[in-house]
């Protein structure tokens, strides 16, 4: 019976072997950059994606790739935040707040600004673990004229604590339960399903938000 279950698990995960770690790399690096650089990233499941990537790589038993992906994704996160900082520096936070927006509203912008004003350097570091702040922080830091070197150091420190932690946690958590096929399979499918559903829901939410008109009062205040 155990042999049958193990075989069923292997068959169920065949698509992962077919896709290969290369697909994991492409998806992770693309999503990490988008989440850190562009406002649409506010709606993407970055944390669950990094964890799921570690889980999927564990199915291929490629520990070296898990560590390598952690490093490359870390650099991508830093570069993405630098792009967000530059955009904020050039355009400010105009056109972000939407009238009636649930996420893209002036209240959330004010909360993020207040968080950065109170915590400064540490806010940029901690922002990696707060999804809605993670995307807004670079824009606000750039618009506020935060020292670029200070921002670079803070965002790099935050990336070191964020990316490798989640990728490697997923990898080693999956590895620890390899001896329990059904639980291992549940972890894999659960992680992938959460990522797929989260991405679809995020894309839908983003479209809903962007259909709302720009908050003219917020735009005037930013200008």
N, C-alpha and C. Protein backbone atom coordinates (compact mmCIF):
# COMPACT_ATOMS: atom_id res chain seq x y z
N UNK A 1 0.82 -1.21 0.00
CA UNK A 1 0.00 0.00 0.00
C UNK A 1 0.86 1.26 0.00
N UNK A 2 1.89 1.26 0.84
CA UNK A 2 2.79 2.41 0.89
C UNK A 2 3.47 2.64 -0.46
N UNK A 3 3.82 1.53 -1.11
CA UNK A 3 4.46 1.64 -2.43
C UNK A 3 3.51 2.28 -3.44
N UNK A 4 2.22 1.90 -3.35
CA UNK A 4 1.22 2.45 -4.27
C UNK A 4 1.06 3.95 -4.03
N UNK A 5 1.02 4.34 -2.74
CA UNK A 5 0.87 5.76 -2.41
C UNK A 5 2.08 6.56 -2.90
N UNK A 6 3.25 6.00 -2.70
CA UNK A 6 4.47 6.68 -3.13
C UNK A 6 4.48 6.86 -4.64
N UNK A 7 4.01 5.79 -5.35
CA UNK A 7 3.96 5.87 -6.82
C UNK A 7 2.96 6.92 -7.26
N UNK A 8 1.82 6.98 -6.59
CA UNK A 8 0.80 7.97 -6.94
C UNK A 8 1.32 9.38 -6.71
N UNK A 9 2.05 9.56 -5.62
CA UNK A 9 2.63 10.88 -5.34
C UNK A 9 3.61 11.27 -6.43
N UNK A 10 4.44 10.32 -6.84
CA UNK A 10 5.43 10.60 -7.88
C UNK A 10 4.76 10.98 -9.19
N UNK A 11 3.68 10.25 -9.53
CA UNK A 11 2.96 10.55 -10.76
C UNK A 11 2.32 11.93 -10.68
N UNK A 12 1.76 12.22 -9.51
CA UNK A 12 1.11 13.52 -9.33
C UNK A 12 2.06 14.67 -9.45
N UNK A 13 3.35 14.42 -9.18
CA UNK A 13 4.35 15.50 -9.24
C UNK A 13 5.19 15.44 -10.51
N UNK A 14 4.78 14.60 -11.47
CA UNK A 14 5.53 14.49 -12.71
C UNK A 14 5.66 15.82 -13.44
N UNK A 15 4.60 16.63 -13.35
CA UNK A 15 4.64 17.89 -14.07
C UNK A 15 5.73 18.80 -13.55
N UNK A 16 6.05 18.64 -12.24
CA UNK A 16 7.14 19.45 -11.68
C UNK A 16 8.47 19.04 -12.29
N UNK A 17 8.64 17.75 -12.50
CA UNK A 17 9.88 17.27 -13.10
C UNK A 17 9.99 17.73 -14.54
N UNK A 18 8.84 17.74 -15.22
CA UNK A 18 8.83 18.18 -16.61
C UNK A 18 9.15 19.67 -16.72
N UNK A 19 8.55 20.46 -15.84
CA UNK A 19 8.79 21.90 -15.86
C UNK A 19 10.22 22.21 -15.48
N UNK A 20 10.71 21.53 -14.45
CA UNK A 20 12.09 21.72 -14.03
C UNK A 20 12.30 22.98 -13.22
N UNK A 21 13.43 23.04 -12.53
CA UNK A 21 13.76 24.21 -11.72
C UNK A 21 13.86 25.50 -12.53
N UNK A 22 14.13 25.40 -13.85
CA UNK A 22 14.25 26.60 -14.66
C UNK A 22 12.98 27.43 -14.61
N UNK A 23 11.82 26.75 -14.65
CA UNK A 23 10.54 27.47 -14.58
C UNK A 23 10.39 28.16 -13.24
N UNK A 24 10.85 27.51 -12.18
CA UNK A 24 10.80 28.11 -10.85
C UNK A 24 11.62 29.39 -10.83
N UNK A 25 12.81 29.34 -11.41
CA UNK A 25 13.67 30.52 -11.46
C UNK A 25 12.99 31.67 -12.20
N UNK A 26 12.43 31.37 -13.37
CA UNK A 26 11.80 32.41 -14.19
C UNK A 26 10.64 33.07 -13.46
N UNK A 27 9.79 32.25 -12.84
CA UNK A 27 8.62 32.78 -12.15
C UNK A 27 9.04 33.61 -10.93
N UNK A 28 9.94 33.05 -10.12
CA UNK A 28 10.35 33.73 -8.89
C UNK A 28 11.02 35.07 -9.19
N UNK A 29 11.98 35.08 -10.11
CA UNK A 29 12.71 36.32 -10.39
C UNK A 29 11.79 37.37 -11.00
N UNK A 30 10.87 36.94 -11.86
CA UNK A 30 9.93 37.90 -12.46
C UNK A 30 9.02 38.51 -11.42
N UNK A 31 8.46 37.66 -10.57
CA UNK A 31 7.51 38.14 -9.58
C UNK A 31 8.18 38.99 -8.50
N UNK A 32 9.37 38.59 -8.09
CA UNK A 32 10.09 39.37 -7.06
C UNK A 32 10.38 40.77 -7.60
N UNK A 33 10.84 40.86 -8.85
CA UNK A 33 11.13 42.17 -9.42
C UNK A 33 9.86 43.02 -9.50
N UNK A 34 8.78 42.44 -10.00
CA UNK A 34 7.53 43.19 -10.15
C UNK A 34 7.02 43.66 -8.79
N UNK A 35 7.08 42.78 -7.80
CA UNK A 35 6.56 43.15 -6.48
C UNK A 35 7.37 44.27 -5.84
N UNK A 36 8.66 44.30 -6.11
CA UNK A 36 9.52 45.30 -5.48
C UNK A 36 9.62 46.59 -6.28
N UNK A 37 9.25 46.56 -7.57
CA UNK A 37 9.47 47.73 -8.43
C UNK A 37 8.19 48.42 -8.86
N UNK A 38 7.10 47.67 -9.05
CA UNK A 38 5.90 48.22 -9.66
C UNK A 38 4.71 48.14 -8.72
N UNK A 39 3.79 49.05 -8.88
CA UNK A 39 2.65 49.13 -7.97
C UNK A 39 1.77 47.89 -8.06
N UNK A 40 1.76 47.21 -9.22
CA UNK A 40 0.98 45.99 -9.35
C UNK A 40 1.46 44.92 -8.37
N UNK A 41 2.73 45.02 -7.96
CA UNK A 41 3.28 44.06 -7.02
C UNK A 41 2.59 44.08 -5.67
N UNK A 42 1.86 45.17 -5.39
CA UNK A 42 1.12 45.27 -4.14
C UNK A 42 0.10 44.15 -3.99
N UNK A 43 -0.31 43.58 -5.13
CA UNK A 43 -1.38 42.58 -5.12
C UNK A 43 -0.87 41.16 -5.36
N UNK A 44 0.44 40.97 -5.41
CA UNK A 44 1.00 39.64 -5.69
C UNK A 44 1.43 38.93 -4.40
N UNK A 45 1.32 37.60 -4.37
CA UNK A 45 1.65 36.83 -3.16
C UNK A 45 3.14 36.51 -3.07
N UNK A 46 3.95 37.52 -2.83
CA UNK A 46 5.41 37.33 -2.85
C UNK A 46 5.92 36.35 -1.82
N UNK A 47 5.41 36.44 -0.58
CA UNK A 47 5.90 35.56 0.48
C UNK A 47 5.60 34.09 0.17
N UNK A 48 4.36 33.82 -0.23
CA UNK A 48 3.99 32.43 -0.52
C UNK A 48 4.72 31.91 -1.74
N UNK A 49 5.04 32.80 -2.69
CA UNK A 49 5.78 32.38 -3.88
C UNK A 49 7.18 31.91 -3.51
N UNK A 50 7.87 32.65 -2.66
CA UNK A 50 9.23 32.27 -2.26
C UNK A 50 9.22 30.94 -1.51
N UNK A 51 8.25 30.78 -0.62
CA UNK A 51 8.14 29.52 0.13
C UNK A 51 7.83 28.36 -0.83
N UNK A 52 6.88 28.58 -1.75
CA UNK A 52 6.51 27.53 -2.71
C UNK A 52 7.69 27.16 -3.59
N UNK A 53 8.51 28.13 -3.96
CA UNK A 53 9.68 27.86 -4.79
C UNK A 53 10.63 26.89 -4.08
N UNK A 54 10.84 27.12 -2.78
CA UNK A 54 11.68 26.22 -2.01
C UNK A 54 11.10 24.82 -1.95
N UNK A 55 9.79 24.73 -1.79
CA UNK A 55 9.12 23.43 -1.73
C UNK A 55 9.28 22.68 -3.04
N UNK A 56 9.06 23.37 -4.16
CA UNK A 56 9.16 22.72 -5.48
C UNK A 56 10.60 22.28 -5.76
N UNK A 57 11.57 23.11 -5.42
CA UNK A 57 12.97 22.73 -5.64
C UNK A 57 13.35 21.52 -4.80
N UNK A 58 12.72 21.37 -3.65
CA UNK A 58 13.01 20.21 -2.79
C UNK A 58 12.60 18.92 -3.48
N UNK A 59 11.59 18.98 -4.35
CA UNK A 59 11.16 17.78 -5.07
C UNK A 59 12.24 17.29 -6.04
N UNK A 60 13.10 18.19 -6.46
CA UNK A 60 14.18 17.84 -7.39
C UNK A 60 15.49 17.56 -6.64
N UNK A 61 15.45 17.76 -5.32
CA UNK A 61 16.64 17.52 -4.49
C UNK A 61 17.84 18.31 -5.01
N UNK A 62 17.61 19.61 -5.22
CA UNK A 62 18.67 20.48 -5.75
C UNK A 62 18.99 21.57 -4.71
N UNK A 63 19.64 21.16 -3.66
CA UNK A 63 19.94 22.09 -2.57
C UNK A 63 20.76 23.28 -3.05
N UNK A 64 21.73 23.00 -3.93
CA UNK A 64 22.57 24.09 -4.44
C UNK A 64 21.75 25.14 -5.16
N UNK A 65 20.75 24.68 -5.93
CA UNK A 65 19.91 25.62 -6.66
C UNK A 65 19.05 26.45 -5.72
N UNK A 66 18.62 25.85 -4.62
CA UNK A 66 17.82 26.60 -3.64
C UNK A 66 18.63 27.76 -3.07
N UNK A 67 19.89 27.49 -2.75
CA UNK A 67 20.76 28.55 -2.23
C UNK A 67 21.08 29.57 -3.32
N UNK A 68 21.32 29.09 -4.54
CA UNK A 68 21.64 30.00 -5.64
C UNK A 68 20.44 30.90 -5.96
N UNK A 69 19.24 30.30 -5.98
CA UNK A 69 18.04 31.09 -6.25
C UNK A 69 17.85 32.15 -5.16
N UNK A 70 18.14 31.77 -3.92
CA UNK A 70 18.03 32.73 -2.81
C UNK A 70 18.92 33.94 -3.07
N UNK A 71 20.15 33.67 -3.52
CA UNK A 71 21.08 34.77 -3.77
C UNK A 71 20.66 35.65 -4.93
N UNK A 72 20.26 35.02 -6.04
CA UNK A 72 19.89 35.79 -7.23
C UNK A 72 18.59 36.56 -6.99
N UNK A 73 17.63 35.92 -6.32
CA UNK A 73 16.37 36.59 -6.01
C UNK A 73 16.59 37.75 -5.04
N UNK A 74 17.55 37.59 -4.15
CA UNK A 74 17.90 38.67 -3.22
C UNK A 74 18.38 39.89 -4.00
N UNK A 75 19.29 39.67 -4.95
CA UNK A 75 19.79 40.77 -5.78
C UNK A 75 18.66 41.38 -6.60
N UNK A 76 17.78 40.53 -7.12
CA UNK A 76 16.63 41.01 -7.90
C UNK A 76 15.73 41.90 -7.06
N UNK A 77 15.53 41.51 -5.80
CA UNK A 77 14.69 42.31 -4.90
C UNK A 77 15.30 43.68 -4.66
N UNK A 78 16.61 43.72 -4.51
CA UNK A 78 17.30 44.99 -4.29
C UNK A 78 17.20 45.87 -5.54
N UNK A 79 17.45 45.27 -6.71
CA UNK A 79 17.35 46.03 -7.97
C UNK A 79 15.93 46.54 -8.18
N UNK A 80 14.94 45.68 -7.89
CA UNK A 80 13.54 46.09 -8.02
C UNK A 80 13.22 47.29 -7.15
N UNK A 81 13.69 47.27 -5.91
CA UNK A 81 13.44 48.40 -5.02
C UNK A 81 14.14 49.66 -5.49
N UNK A 82 15.31 49.50 -6.11
CA UNK A 82 16.01 50.67 -6.65
C UNK A 82 15.20 51.29 -7.79
N UNK A 83 14.58 50.44 -8.60
CA UNK A 83 13.72 50.94 -9.67
C UNK A 83 12.53 51.69 -9.07
N UNK A 84 11.91 51.09 -8.04
CA UNK A 84 10.79 51.75 -7.36
C UNK A 84 11.20 53.08 -6.75
N UNK A 85 12.38 53.12 -6.17
CA UNK A 85 12.92 54.36 -5.59
C UNK A 85 13.08 55.42 -6.67
N UNK A 86 13.61 55.02 -7.81
CA UNK A 86 13.83 55.97 -8.91
C UNK A 86 12.49 56.49 -9.43
N UNK A 87 11.51 55.61 -9.58
CA UNK A 87 10.18 56.03 -10.04
C UNK A 87 9.59 57.04 -9.06
N UNK A 88 9.69 56.74 -7.76
CA UNK A 88 9.18 57.67 -6.75
C UNK A 88 9.91 59.00 -6.78
N UNK A 89 11.20 58.94 -7.02
CA UNK A 89 12.03 60.15 -7.09
C UNK A 89 11.61 61.04 -8.26
N UNK A 90 11.22 60.39 -9.36
CA UNK A 90 10.89 61.14 -10.58
C UNK A 90 9.43 61.59 -10.62
N UNK A 91 8.53 60.79 -10.08
CA UNK A 91 7.09 61.08 -10.22
C UNK A 91 6.38 61.32 -8.90
N UNK A 92 7.05 61.04 -7.78
CA UNK A 92 6.36 61.13 -6.51
C UNK A 92 5.34 60.02 -6.37
N UNK A 93 4.31 60.24 -5.58
CA UNK A 93 3.28 59.21 -5.38
C UNK A 93 1.98 59.61 -6.08
N UNK A 94 2.09 60.55 -7.02
CA UNK A 94 0.90 60.95 -7.76
C UNK A 94 0.34 59.79 -8.57
N UNK A 95 -0.95 59.84 -8.78
CA UNK A 95 -1.68 58.86 -9.60
C UNK A 95 -1.80 57.49 -8.93
N UNK A 96 -1.26 57.32 -7.71
CA UNK A 96 -1.37 56.02 -7.04
C UNK A 96 -2.71 55.90 -6.32
N UNK A 97 -3.02 56.90 -5.49
CA UNK A 97 -4.25 56.83 -4.70
C UNK A 97 -5.48 56.89 -5.61
N UNK A 98 -6.42 56.01 -5.34
CA UNK A 98 -7.66 55.93 -6.12
C UNK A 98 -8.85 56.28 -5.23
N UNK A 99 -9.78 57.02 -5.78
CA UNK A 99 -10.97 57.36 -5.03
C UNK A 99 -11.81 56.11 -4.80
N UNK A 100 -11.96 55.73 -3.54
CA UNK A 100 -12.71 54.53 -3.21
C UNK A 100 -11.89 53.25 -3.29
N UNK A 101 -10.57 53.38 -3.50
CA UNK A 101 -9.72 52.19 -3.58
C UNK A 101 -9.59 51.49 -2.24
N UNK A 102 -9.55 50.18 -2.26
CA UNK A 102 -9.42 49.42 -1.01
C UNK A 102 -7.97 49.31 -0.57
N UNK A 103 -7.04 49.26 -1.53
CA UNK A 103 -5.61 49.21 -1.22
C UNK A 103 -4.90 50.48 -1.67
N UNK A 104 -5.20 50.90 -2.89
CA UNK A 104 -4.57 52.10 -3.43
C UNK A 104 -5.38 53.32 -3.03
N UNK A 105 -5.26 53.71 -1.78
CA UNK A 105 -5.99 54.87 -1.30
C UNK A 105 -5.06 55.77 -0.48
N UNK A 106 -5.49 57.00 -0.24
CA UNK A 106 -4.65 57.96 0.47
C UNK A 106 -4.36 57.53 1.90
N UNK A 107 -5.31 56.84 2.51
CA UNK A 107 -5.10 56.40 3.89
C UNK A 107 -3.92 55.43 3.99
N UNK A 108 -3.82 54.50 3.05
CA UNK A 108 -2.70 53.55 3.07
C UNK A 108 -1.38 54.25 2.75
N UNK A 109 -1.42 55.21 1.84
CA UNK A 109 -0.21 55.98 1.56
C UNK A 109 0.25 56.74 2.80
N UNK A 110 -0.70 57.34 3.50
CA UNK A 110 -0.37 58.10 4.71
C UNK A 110 0.19 57.18 5.80
N UNK A 111 -0.40 55.98 5.90
CA UNK A 111 0.10 55.02 6.90
C UNK A 111 1.53 54.60 6.58
N UNK A 112 1.79 54.33 5.30
CA UNK A 112 3.14 53.94 4.90
C UNK A 112 4.13 55.08 5.11
N UNK A 113 3.72 56.31 4.78
CA UNK A 113 4.59 57.47 4.98
C UNK A 113 4.90 57.65 6.46
N UNK A 114 3.86 57.52 7.30
CA UNK A 114 4.05 57.67 8.74
C UNK A 114 5.01 56.62 9.28
N UNK A 115 4.87 55.39 8.77
CA UNK A 115 5.75 54.30 9.20
C UNK A 115 7.20 54.61 8.85
N UNK A 116 7.43 55.12 7.64
CA UNK A 116 8.78 55.46 7.22
C UNK A 116 9.33 56.66 7.99
N UNK A 117 8.46 57.64 8.25
CA UNK A 117 8.90 58.83 8.99
C UNK A 117 9.32 58.47 10.41
N UNK A 118 8.59 57.55 11.04
CA UNK A 118 8.86 57.20 12.44
C UNK A 118 10.06 56.28 12.57
N UNK A 119 10.21 55.35 11.64
CA UNK A 119 11.25 54.32 11.78
C UNK A 119 12.46 54.54 10.88
N UNK A 120 12.27 55.32 9.80
CA UNK A 120 13.39 55.63 8.92
C UNK A 120 14.07 54.39 8.34
N UNK A 121 15.35 54.23 8.61
CA UNK A 121 16.17 53.14 8.09
C UNK A 121 15.54 51.79 8.41
N UNK A 122 15.14 51.61 9.66
CA UNK A 122 14.58 50.32 10.08
C UNK A 122 13.25 50.02 9.38
N UNK A 123 12.54 51.09 8.98
CA UNK A 123 11.27 50.88 8.28
C UNK A 123 11.50 50.21 6.93
N UNK A 124 12.55 50.61 6.22
CA UNK A 124 12.86 50.01 4.92
C UNK A 124 13.26 48.55 5.10
N UNK A 125 14.01 48.26 6.17
CA UNK A 125 14.41 46.88 6.46
C UNK A 125 13.17 46.04 6.78
N UNK A 126 12.33 46.55 7.69
CA UNK A 126 11.15 45.81 8.14
C UNK A 126 10.08 45.71 7.05
N UNK A 127 10.09 46.65 6.11
CA UNK A 127 9.05 46.67 5.07
C UNK A 127 9.02 45.39 4.25
N UNK A 128 10.14 44.67 4.18
CA UNK A 128 10.18 43.41 3.42
C UNK A 128 9.15 42.41 3.95
N UNK A 129 8.81 42.50 5.22
CA UNK A 129 7.91 41.53 5.83
C UNK A 129 6.48 42.06 5.94
N UNK A 130 6.23 43.25 5.38
CA UNK A 130 4.87 43.82 5.42
C UNK A 130 4.44 44.03 3.97
N UNK A 131 3.66 43.10 3.41
CA UNK A 131 3.39 43.10 1.97
C UNK A 131 3.00 44.44 1.37
N UNK A 132 2.02 45.12 1.94
CA UNK A 132 1.56 46.36 1.30
C UNK A 132 2.57 47.49 1.44
N UNK A 133 3.38 47.46 2.50
CA UNK A 133 4.43 48.46 2.67
C UNK A 133 5.62 48.14 1.76
N UNK A 134 5.87 46.84 1.53
CA UNK A 134 7.02 46.40 0.73
C UNK A 134 7.04 47.06 -0.65
N UNK A 135 5.86 47.22 -1.26
CA UNK A 135 5.79 47.81 -2.58
C UNK A 135 5.76 49.34 -2.52
N UNK A 136 5.09 49.90 -1.52
CA UNK A 136 4.95 51.34 -1.43
C UNK A 136 6.21 52.03 -0.90
N UNK A 137 6.98 51.33 -0.04
CA UNK A 137 8.13 51.97 0.62
C UNK A 137 9.15 52.57 -0.35
N UNK A 138 9.58 51.86 -1.40
CA UNK A 138 10.56 52.46 -2.32
C UNK A 138 10.03 53.72 -3.00
N UNK A 139 8.77 53.70 -3.41
CA UNK A 139 8.17 54.87 -4.05
C UNK A 139 8.16 56.06 -3.11
N UNK A 140 7.74 55.80 -1.87
CA UNK A 140 7.64 56.88 -0.88
C UNK A 140 9.03 57.39 -0.50
N UNK A 141 9.99 56.47 -0.35
CA UNK A 141 11.35 56.87 0.00
C UNK A 141 11.96 57.73 -1.11
N UNK A 142 11.71 57.36 -2.36
CA UNK A 142 12.22 58.15 -3.48
C UNK A 142 11.55 59.50 -3.55
N UNK A 143 10.22 59.53 -3.34
CA UNK A 143 9.49 60.79 -3.40
C UNK A 143 9.91 61.73 -2.27
N UNK A 144 10.23 61.15 -1.10
CA UNK A 144 10.61 61.95 0.07
C UNK A 144 12.07 62.39 0.03
N UNK A 145 12.83 61.87 -0.94
CA UNK A 145 14.23 62.27 -1.06
C UNK A 145 15.15 61.61 -0.06
N UNK A 146 14.82 60.40 0.38
CA UNK A 146 15.69 59.68 1.30
C UNK A 146 17.06 59.47 0.64
N UNK A 147 18.11 59.59 1.41
CA UNK A 147 19.46 59.41 0.89
C UNK A 147 19.57 58.08 0.15
N UNK A 148 20.05 58.12 -1.09
CA UNK A 148 20.04 56.93 -1.94
C UNK A 148 20.95 55.82 -1.40
N UNK A 149 22.09 56.19 -0.84
CA UNK A 149 22.98 55.16 -0.28
C UNK A 149 22.37 54.53 0.96
N UNK A 150 21.76 55.35 1.78
CA UNK A 150 21.09 54.85 2.98
C UNK A 150 19.96 53.91 2.60
N UNK A 151 19.21 54.30 1.58
CA UNK A 151 18.12 53.45 1.10
C UNK A 151 18.66 52.13 0.58
N UNK A 152 19.72 52.18 -0.21
CA UNK A 152 20.33 50.97 -0.76
C UNK A 152 20.76 50.01 0.34
N UNK A 153 21.40 50.54 1.37
CA UNK A 153 21.85 49.70 2.48
C UNK A 153 20.68 49.08 3.21
N UNK A 154 19.64 49.87 3.44
CA UNK A 154 18.47 49.38 4.17
C UNK A 154 17.72 48.31 3.38
N UNK A 155 17.54 48.55 2.08
CA UNK A 155 16.79 47.60 1.26
C UNK A 155 17.58 46.30 1.07
N UNK A 156 18.92 46.41 1.01
CA UNK A 156 19.74 45.21 0.91
C UNK A 156 19.67 44.38 2.19
N UNK A 157 19.72 45.06 3.34
CA UNK A 157 19.62 44.35 4.62
C UNK A 157 18.26 43.65 4.74
N UNK A 158 17.22 44.34 4.31
CA UNK A 158 15.88 43.73 4.35
C UNK A 158 15.77 42.52 3.44
N UNK A 159 16.38 42.61 2.26
CA UNK A 159 16.33 41.50 1.30
C UNK A 159 17.06 40.28 1.84
N UNK A 160 18.17 40.50 2.53
CA UNK A 160 18.94 39.38 3.10
C UNK A 160 18.09 38.63 4.13
N UNK A 161 17.28 39.36 4.88
CA UNK A 161 16.44 38.73 5.90
C UNK A 161 15.17 38.13 5.34
N UNK A 162 14.77 38.56 4.14
CA UNK A 162 13.49 38.15 3.58
C UNK A 162 13.61 36.98 2.61
N UNK A 163 14.35 37.14 1.52
CA UNK A 163 14.36 36.15 0.44
C UNK A 163 14.92 34.79 0.88
N UNK A 164 16.17 34.71 1.36
CA UNK A 164 16.71 33.39 1.70
C UNK A 164 15.91 32.69 2.78
N UNK A 165 15.39 33.45 3.73
CA UNK A 165 14.62 32.85 4.83
C UNK A 165 13.45 32.04 4.30
N UNK A 166 12.66 32.63 3.40
CA UNK A 166 11.46 31.96 2.91
C UNK A 166 11.77 30.83 1.93
N UNK A 167 12.71 31.06 1.01
CA UNK A 167 13.05 30.01 0.04
C UNK A 167 13.62 28.79 0.76
N UNK A 168 14.56 29.01 1.66
CA UNK A 168 15.21 27.89 2.34
C UNK A 168 14.29 27.24 3.35
N UNK A 169 13.40 28.02 3.95
CA UNK A 169 12.41 27.43 4.86
C UNK A 169 11.52 26.45 4.10
N UNK A 170 11.08 26.86 2.90
CA UNK A 170 10.26 25.97 2.07
C UNK A 170 11.04 24.73 1.66
N UNK A 171 12.30 24.92 1.28
CA UNK A 171 13.12 23.79 0.81
C UNK A 171 13.34 22.77 1.93
N UNK A 172 13.78 23.23 3.08
CA UNK A 172 14.12 22.29 4.15
C UNK A 172 12.88 21.74 4.85
N UNK A 173 11.79 22.52 4.87
CA UNK A 173 10.54 22.00 5.44
C UNK A 173 10.04 20.83 4.61
N UNK A 174 10.11 20.99 3.26
CA UNK A 174 9.67 19.90 2.38
C UNK A 174 10.60 18.70 2.52
N UNK A 175 11.89 18.96 2.68
CA UNK A 175 12.85 17.86 2.81
C UNK A 175 12.64 17.06 4.08
N UNK A 176 12.23 17.72 5.15
CA UNK A 176 12.05 17.04 6.43
C UNK A 176 10.88 16.06 6.41
N UNK A 177 9.91 16.31 5.55
CA UNK A 177 8.73 15.43 5.54
C UNK A 177 8.68 14.54 4.31
N UNK A 178 9.81 14.36 3.64
CA UNK A 178 9.86 13.48 2.47
C UNK A 178 9.46 12.05 2.81
N UNK A 179 9.68 11.68 4.06
CA UNK A 179 9.36 10.31 4.46
C UNK A 179 7.86 10.08 4.64
N UNK A 180 7.08 11.17 4.56
CA UNK A 180 5.61 11.05 4.68
C UNK A 180 5.02 11.51 3.35
N UNK A 181 4.88 10.61 2.38
CA UNK A 181 4.48 11.00 1.01
C UNK A 181 3.22 11.87 0.94
N UNK A 182 2.17 11.47 1.66
CA UNK A 182 0.93 12.24 1.53
C UNK A 182 1.07 13.66 2.07
N UNK A 183 1.83 13.81 3.16
CA UNK A 183 2.03 15.13 3.73
C UNK A 183 2.92 15.98 2.84
N UNK A 184 3.94 15.33 2.27
CA UNK A 184 4.82 16.04 1.35
C UNK A 184 4.04 16.52 0.13
N UNK A 185 3.20 15.64 -0.41
CA UNK A 185 2.38 16.01 -1.57
C UNK A 185 1.42 17.14 -1.23
N UNK A 186 0.83 17.08 -0.02
CA UNK A 186 -0.11 18.12 0.40
C UNK A 186 0.59 19.47 0.51
N UNK A 187 1.83 19.46 1.01
CA UNK A 187 2.59 20.69 1.14
C UNK A 187 2.90 21.29 -0.23
N UNK A 188 3.30 20.43 -1.17
CA UNK A 188 3.62 20.90 -2.52
C UNK A 188 2.39 21.50 -3.19
N UNK A 189 1.31 20.71 -3.23
CA UNK A 189 0.11 21.18 -3.92
C UNK A 189 -0.51 22.37 -3.22
N UNK A 190 -0.45 22.39 -1.90
CA UNK A 190 -0.99 23.51 -1.15
C UNK A 190 -0.23 24.79 -1.45
N UNK A 191 1.10 24.70 -1.50
CA UNK A 191 1.92 25.88 -1.79
C UNK A 191 1.67 26.40 -3.20
N UNK A 192 1.63 25.48 -4.15
CA UNK A 192 1.41 25.88 -5.55
C UNK A 192 0.01 26.45 -5.73
N UNK A 193 -0.99 25.80 -5.12
CA UNK A 193 -2.37 26.27 -5.26
C UNK A 193 -2.54 27.66 -4.65
N UNK A 194 -1.93 27.86 -3.48
CA UNK A 194 -2.03 29.16 -2.83
C UNK A 194 -1.41 30.25 -3.69
N UNK A 195 -0.29 29.91 -4.34
CA UNK A 195 0.37 30.88 -5.22
C UNK A 195 -0.49 31.19 -6.43
N UNK A 196 -1.03 30.16 -7.07
CA UNK A 196 -1.83 30.36 -8.29
C UNK A 196 -3.10 31.16 -7.98
N UNK A 197 -3.80 30.74 -6.93
CA UNK A 197 -5.04 31.43 -6.56
C UNK A 197 -4.73 32.86 -6.11
N UNK A 198 -3.66 33.02 -5.34
CA UNK A 198 -3.29 34.35 -4.87
C UNK A 198 -2.93 35.28 -6.01
N UNK A 199 -2.24 34.75 -7.02
CA UNK A 199 -1.86 35.58 -8.17
C UNK A 199 -3.10 35.98 -8.97
N UNK A 200 -3.99 35.03 -9.21
CA UNK A 200 -5.21 35.32 -9.96
C UNK A 200 -6.07 36.35 -9.23
N UNK A 201 -6.20 36.16 -7.91
CA UNK A 201 -6.99 37.10 -7.12
C UNK A 201 -6.32 38.48 -7.11
N UNK A 202 -4.99 38.50 -7.00
CA UNK A 202 -4.27 39.76 -6.99
C UNK A 202 -4.43 40.52 -8.30
N UNK A 203 -4.35 39.80 -9.42
CA UNK A 203 -4.52 40.44 -10.73
C UNK A 203 -5.92 41.02 -10.86
N UNK A 204 -6.92 40.27 -10.37
CA UNK A 204 -8.31 40.77 -10.40
C UNK A 204 -8.46 42.01 -9.54
N UNK A 205 -7.87 41.96 -8.33
CA UNK A 205 -7.95 43.11 -7.43
C UNK A 205 -7.28 44.34 -8.03
N UNK A 206 -6.14 44.13 -8.68
CA UNK A 206 -5.43 45.25 -9.30
C UNK A 206 -6.29 45.89 -10.39
N UNK A 207 -6.91 45.08 -11.22
CA UNK A 207 -7.77 45.62 -12.28
C UNK A 207 -8.94 46.40 -11.68
N UNK A 208 -9.51 45.89 -10.60
CA UNK A 208 -10.62 46.57 -9.94
C UNK A 208 -10.18 47.93 -9.41
N UNK A 209 -8.98 47.97 -8.80
CA UNK A 209 -8.48 49.21 -8.23
C UNK A 209 -8.18 50.24 -9.32
N UNK A 210 -7.56 49.78 -10.40
CA UNK A 210 -7.15 50.71 -11.46
C UNK A 210 -8.33 51.25 -12.25
N UNK A 211 -9.47 50.61 -12.14
CA UNK A 211 -10.66 51.13 -12.81
C UNK A 211 -11.24 52.33 -12.08
N UNK A 212 -10.87 52.50 -10.83
CA UNK A 212 -11.37 53.62 -10.04
C UNK A 212 -10.62 54.89 -10.43
N UNK A 213 -11.28 56.05 -10.35
CA UNK A 213 -10.63 57.30 -10.75
C UNK A 213 -9.53 57.70 -9.76
N UNK A 214 -8.55 58.44 -10.27
CA UNK A 214 -7.47 58.95 -9.43
C UNK A 214 -8.07 59.91 -8.41
N UNK A 215 -7.57 59.83 -7.19
CA UNK A 215 -8.01 60.73 -6.12
C UNK A 215 -7.39 62.11 -6.39
N UNK A 216 -8.20 63.03 -6.90
CA UNK A 216 -7.68 64.34 -7.29
C UNK A 216 -7.09 65.11 -6.11
N UNK A 217 -7.69 64.98 -4.94
CA UNK A 217 -7.19 65.69 -3.76
C UNK A 217 -5.82 65.16 -3.36
N UNK A 218 -5.66 63.82 -3.41
CA UNK A 218 -4.36 63.21 -3.08
C UNK A 218 -3.31 63.62 -4.08
N UNK A 219 -3.70 63.68 -5.36
CA UNK A 219 -2.75 64.08 -6.41
C UNK A 219 -2.29 65.52 -6.20
N UNK A 220 -3.25 66.39 -5.87
CA UNK A 220 -2.91 67.80 -5.64
C UNK A 220 -1.98 67.95 -4.44
N UNK A 221 -2.26 67.17 -3.37
CA UNK A 221 -1.43 67.24 -2.17
C UNK A 221 -0.02 66.78 -2.48
N UNK A 222 0.11 65.69 -3.28
CA UNK A 222 1.42 65.17 -3.64
C UNK A 222 2.18 66.17 -4.47
N UNK A 223 1.48 66.84 -5.39
CA UNK A 223 2.13 67.85 -6.25
C UNK A 223 2.60 69.04 -5.44
